[in-house]
Amino acid sequence: MLQFLMTMIAGQKAKMDERGASAVEYGLLVAGIAAVVITAVFLLGDQLDAAFSGTSDELTENGVTPAPE
């Protein structure tokens, strides 16, 4: 009986260790995605700014007033 309980406790301990590893893996995945997004915004920032500015200018020329800030 004691051997059975020791086996059960060891099994539960192993599951807890895996949860910690999964959390670290998910954290690394989120950090990687954030790095990709930041890099994309940095590289495409000027193009996005030009696109939004052009759209804003066209709307202003056509009589659409911007919302107050």
Protein backbone atom coordinates (compact mmCIF):
# COMPACT_ATOMS: atom_id res chain seq x y z
CA MET A 1 0.00 0.00 0.00
CA LEU A 2 2.80 2.38 0.88
CA GLN A 3 4.49 1.69 -2.45
CA PHE A 4 1.23 2.55 -4.27
CA LEU A 5 0.94 5.89 -2.45
CA MET A 6 4.58 6.73 -3.20
CA THR A 7 3.95 5.99 -6.89
CA MET A 8 0.87 8.21 -6.92
CA ILE A 9 2.74 11.07 -5.26
CA ALA A 10 5.61 10.74 -7.73
CA GLY A 11 3.12 10.86 -10.62
CA GLN A 12 1.48 14.02 -9.28
CA LYS A 13 4.89 15.60 -8.80
CA ALA A 14 5.83 14.87 -12.40
CA LYS A 15 2.62 16.53 -13.65
CA MET A 16 3.38 19.65 -11.63
CA ASP A 17 6.85 19.84 -13.16
CA GLU A 18 5.37 19.65 -16.67
CA ARG A 19 2.96 22.50 -15.96
CA GLY A 20 5.85 24.76 -15.06
CA ALA A 21 7.67 23.85 -18.25
CA SER A 22 4.54 24.55 -20.29
CA ALA A 23 4.20 27.98 -18.72
CA VAL A 24 7.79 28.80 -19.64
CA GLU A 25 7.23 27.57 -23.19
CA TYR A 26 4.10 29.71 -23.56
CA GLY A 27 5.97 32.70 -22.18
CA LEU A 28 8.74 32.23 -24.73
CA LEU A 29 6.15 31.89 -27.49
CA VAL A 30 4.43 35.15 -26.47
CA ALA A 31 7.79 36.92 -26.28
CA GLY A 32 8.68 35.68 -29.76
CA ILE A 33 5.37 36.88 -31.21
CA ALA A 34 5.83 40.27 -29.54
CA ALA A 35 9.32 40.56 -31.02
CA VAL A 36 7.96 39.81 -34.51
CA VAL A 37 5.18 42.40 -34.15
CA ILE A 38 7.57 45.07 -32.87
CA THR A 39 10.00 44.35 -35.72
CA ALA A 40 7.21 44.54 -38.31
CA VAL A 41 5.95 47.85 -36.93
CA PHE A 42 9.49 49.22 -36.86
CA LEU A 43 10.21 48.17 -40.45
CA LEU A 44 6.82 49.16 -41.88
CA GLY A 45 6.20 52.20 -39.68
CA ASP A 46 6.99 54.83 -42.29
CA GLN A 47 4.85 53.12 -44.92
CA LEU A 48 1.93 52.81 -42.50
CA ASP A 49 2.29 56.46 -41.49
CA ALA A 50 2.24 57.53 -45.14
CA ALA A 51 -0.82 55.41 -45.87
CA PHE A 52 -2.80 56.79 -42.91
CA SER A 53 -1.71 60.36 -43.61
CA GLY A 54 -2.75 60.03 -47.25
CA THR A 55 -6.15 58.69 -46.26
CA SER A 56 -6.59 61.48 -43.71
CA ASP A 57 -5.64 64.12 -46.28
CA GLU A 58 -8.12 62.73 -48.83
CA LEU A 59 -10.92 62.73 -46.27
CA THR A 60 -10.12 66.31 -45.29
CA GLU A 61 -10.11 67.40 -48.95
CA ASN A 62 -13.54 65.81 -49.42
CA GLY A 63 -15.08 67.74 -46.54
CA VAL A 64 -14.92 65.14 -43.79
CA THR A 65 -13.83 66.78 -40.55
CA PRO A 66 -11.64 64.84 -38.14
CA ALA A 67 -12.95 63.90 -34.71
CA PRO A 68 -11.80 66.17 -31.87
CA GLU A 69 -8.94 64.77 -29.82
